[in-house]
Amino acid sequence: MPTEAPALITASALAKDLGVSDARVKKAIKDLELAPAAKKGCCSFYDSEAILKLKAFLK
């Protein structure tokens, strides 16, 4: 049975979900010094652990 891949999301998709600007999320990523879980081309994808940290930081 294959295991499910962890949910990954981009900074702009997370910003849309949270209802904040892309710039605010990207600044939070920089302030928290979060590294992306995966990269595809120039797009960075963040895992659920990073998403939880960002949500807590942005509240």
N, C-alpha and C. Protein backbone atom coordinates (compact mmCIF):
# COMPACT_ATOMS: atom_id res chain seq x y z
N MET A 1 0.84 -1.17 0.00
CA MET A 1 0.00 0.00 0.00
C MET A 1 0.89 1.24 0.00
N PRO A 2 0.72 2.14 -0.96
CA PRO A 2 1.57 3.33 -1.01
C PRO A 2 1.22 4.30 0.12
N THR A 3 2.24 4.96 0.63
CA THR A 3 2.00 5.96 1.66
C THR A 3 1.65 7.29 1.01
N GLU A 4 0.85 8.07 1.71
CA GLU A 4 0.46 9.35 1.16
C GLU A 4 1.60 10.36 1.34
N ALA A 5 1.79 11.18 0.32
CA ALA A 5 2.79 12.23 0.40
C ALA A 5 2.26 13.34 1.30
N PRO A 6 3.14 13.99 2.04
CA PRO A 6 2.67 15.08 2.90
C PRO A 6 2.15 16.23 2.04
N ALA A 7 1.17 16.94 2.57
CA ALA A 7 0.59 18.07 1.85
C ALA A 7 1.61 19.20 1.80
N LEU A 8 1.89 19.68 0.62
CA LEU A 8 2.82 20.79 0.44
C LEU A 8 2.07 21.95 -0.19
N ILE A 9 2.42 23.17 0.19
CA ILE A 9 1.72 24.35 -0.29
C ILE A 9 2.73 25.46 -0.53
N THR A 10 2.45 26.30 -1.50
CA THR A 10 3.31 27.44 -1.79
C THR A 10 2.95 28.60 -0.87
N ALA A 11 3.84 29.56 -0.79
CA ALA A 11 3.60 30.74 0.05
C ALA A 11 2.39 31.51 -0.45
N SER A 12 2.23 31.66 -1.74
CA SER A 12 1.10 32.43 -2.27
C SER A 12 -0.23 31.71 -2.04
N ALA A 13 -0.24 30.39 -2.12
CA ALA A 13 -1.46 29.64 -1.84
C ALA A 13 -1.82 29.74 -0.37
N LEU A 14 -0.82 29.72 0.49
CA LEU A 14 -1.07 29.87 1.92
C LEU A 14 -1.60 31.26 2.23
N ALA A 15 -1.05 32.26 1.58
CA ALA A 15 -1.53 33.64 1.78
C ALA A 15 -3.00 33.75 1.39
N LYS A 16 -3.36 33.13 0.29
CA LYS A 16 -4.76 33.17 -0.15
C LYS A 16 -5.66 32.47 0.87
N ASP A 17 -5.22 31.33 1.38
CA ASP A 17 -5.99 30.59 2.39
C ASP A 17 -6.18 31.41 3.67
N LEU A 18 -5.14 32.15 4.07
CA LEU A 18 -5.20 32.91 5.31
C LEU A 18 -5.81 34.30 5.13
N GLY A 19 -5.96 34.73 3.89
CA GLY A 19 -6.52 36.04 3.62
C GLY A 19 -5.56 37.19 3.90
N VAL A 20 -4.27 36.93 3.72
CA VAL A 20 -3.25 37.97 3.90
C VAL A 20 -2.46 38.12 2.60
N SER A 21 -1.63 39.13 2.55
CA SER A 21 -0.86 39.37 1.33
C SER A 21 0.29 38.38 1.18
N ASP A 22 0.70 38.18 -0.06
CA ASP A 22 1.86 37.31 -0.34
C ASP A 22 3.10 37.85 0.36
N ALA A 23 3.26 39.17 0.34
CA ALA A 23 4.44 39.79 0.93
C ALA A 23 4.51 39.51 2.43
N ARG A 24 3.37 39.53 3.11
CA ARG A 24 3.35 39.27 4.55
C ARG A 24 3.79 37.83 4.85
N VAL A 25 3.32 36.88 4.06
CA VAL A 25 3.71 35.48 4.25
C VAL A 25 5.19 35.30 3.94
N LYS A 26 5.65 35.89 2.86
CA LYS A 26 7.07 35.74 2.49
C LYS A 26 7.99 36.39 3.52
N LYS A 27 7.55 37.51 4.11
CA LYS A 27 8.34 38.15 5.17
C LYS A 27 8.37 37.25 6.40
N ALA A 28 7.25 36.63 6.74
CA ALA A 28 7.19 35.71 7.88
C ALA A 28 8.11 34.51 7.66
N ILE A 29 8.14 33.99 6.45
CA ILE A 29 9.03 32.87 6.12
C ILE A 29 10.48 33.29 6.34
N LYS A 30 10.81 34.50 5.90
CA LYS A 30 12.18 34.99 6.08
C LYS A 30 12.49 35.21 7.56
N ASP A 31 11.55 35.82 8.30
CA ASP A 31 11.77 36.09 9.73
C ASP A 31 11.93 34.80 10.53
N LEU A 32 11.14 33.77 10.18
CA LEU A 32 11.20 32.49 10.88
C LEU A 32 12.34 31.60 10.37
N GLU A 33 12.98 32.03 9.29
CA GLU A 33 14.07 31.28 8.65
C GLU A 33 13.63 29.86 8.29
N LEU A 34 12.45 29.76 7.68
CA LEU A 34 11.94 28.45 7.27
C LEU A 34 12.53 28.04 5.94
N ALA A 35 12.91 26.79 5.85
CA ALA A 35 13.42 26.23 4.60
C ALA A 35 12.28 25.46 3.93
N PRO A 36 12.18 25.53 2.61
CA PRO A 36 11.13 24.78 1.94
C PRO A 36 11.34 23.27 2.05
N ALA A 37 10.24 22.54 2.10
CA ALA A 37 10.31 21.08 2.15
C ALA A 37 10.66 20.53 0.77
N ALA A 38 10.29 21.27 -0.27
CA ALA A 38 10.58 20.86 -1.65
C ALA A 38 10.65 22.09 -2.54
N LYS A 39 11.36 21.95 -3.63
CA LYS A 39 11.44 23.01 -4.63
C LYS A 39 11.22 22.40 -6.00
N LYS A 40 10.49 23.13 -6.82
CA LYS A 40 10.31 22.73 -8.21
C LYS A 40 10.51 23.98 -9.03
N GLY A 41 11.63 24.04 -9.70
CA GLY A 41 11.97 25.26 -10.42
C GLY A 41 12.20 26.38 -9.42
N CYS A 42 11.50 27.48 -9.61
CA CYS A 42 11.65 28.61 -8.67
C CYS A 42 10.60 28.59 -7.57
N CYS A 43 9.71 27.60 -7.57
CA CYS A 43 8.64 27.52 -6.57
C CYS A 43 9.11 26.73 -5.35
N SER A 44 8.83 27.29 -4.18
CA SER A 44 9.14 26.62 -2.92
C SER A 44 7.84 26.10 -2.32
N PHE A 45 7.89 24.89 -1.81
CA PHE A 45 6.72 24.26 -1.20
C PHE A 45 7.02 23.99 0.26
N TYR A 46 6.05 24.31 1.12
CA TYR A 46 6.23 24.17 2.56
C TYR A 46 5.32 23.07 3.09
N ASP A 47 5.82 22.35 4.10
CA ASP A 47 5.07 21.22 4.68
C ASP A 47 4.17 21.70 5.82
N SER A 48 3.44 20.75 6.41
CA SER A 48 2.46 21.09 7.44
C SER A 48 3.11 21.70 8.68
N GLU A 49 4.31 21.28 9.02
CA GLU A 49 5.01 21.84 10.19
C GLU A 49 5.29 23.33 9.97
N ALA A 50 5.79 23.67 8.80
CA ALA A 50 6.06 25.07 8.48
C ALA A 50 4.77 25.88 8.41
N ILE A 51 3.71 25.27 7.89
CA ILE A 51 2.43 25.96 7.79
C ILE A 51 1.90 26.30 9.17
N LEU A 52 2.02 25.39 10.12
CA LEU A 52 1.57 25.65 11.49
C LEU A 52 2.37 26.79 12.12
N LYS A 53 3.67 26.81 11.90
CA LYS A 53 4.51 27.89 12.43
C LYS A 53 4.11 29.23 11.82
N LEU A 54 3.85 29.24 10.52
CA LEU A 54 3.45 30.48 9.84
C LEU A 54 2.10 30.97 10.34
N LYS A 55 1.14 30.07 10.49
CA LYS A 55 -0.18 30.47 10.97
C LYS A 55 -0.08 31.08 12.37
N ALA A 56 0.70 30.48 13.24
CA ALA A 56 0.87 31.00 14.61
C ALA A 56 1.56 32.37 14.58
N PHE A 57 2.55 32.52 13.71
CA PHE A 57 3.30 33.76 13.62
C PHE A 57 2.44 34.89 13.06
N LEU A 58 1.55 34.59 12.13
CA LEU A 58 0.74 35.62 11.47
C LEU A 58 -0.51 36.03 12.24
N LYS A 59 -0.84 35.31 13.30
CA LYS A 59 -2.04 35.66 14.07
C LYS A 59 -1.79 36.79 15.02
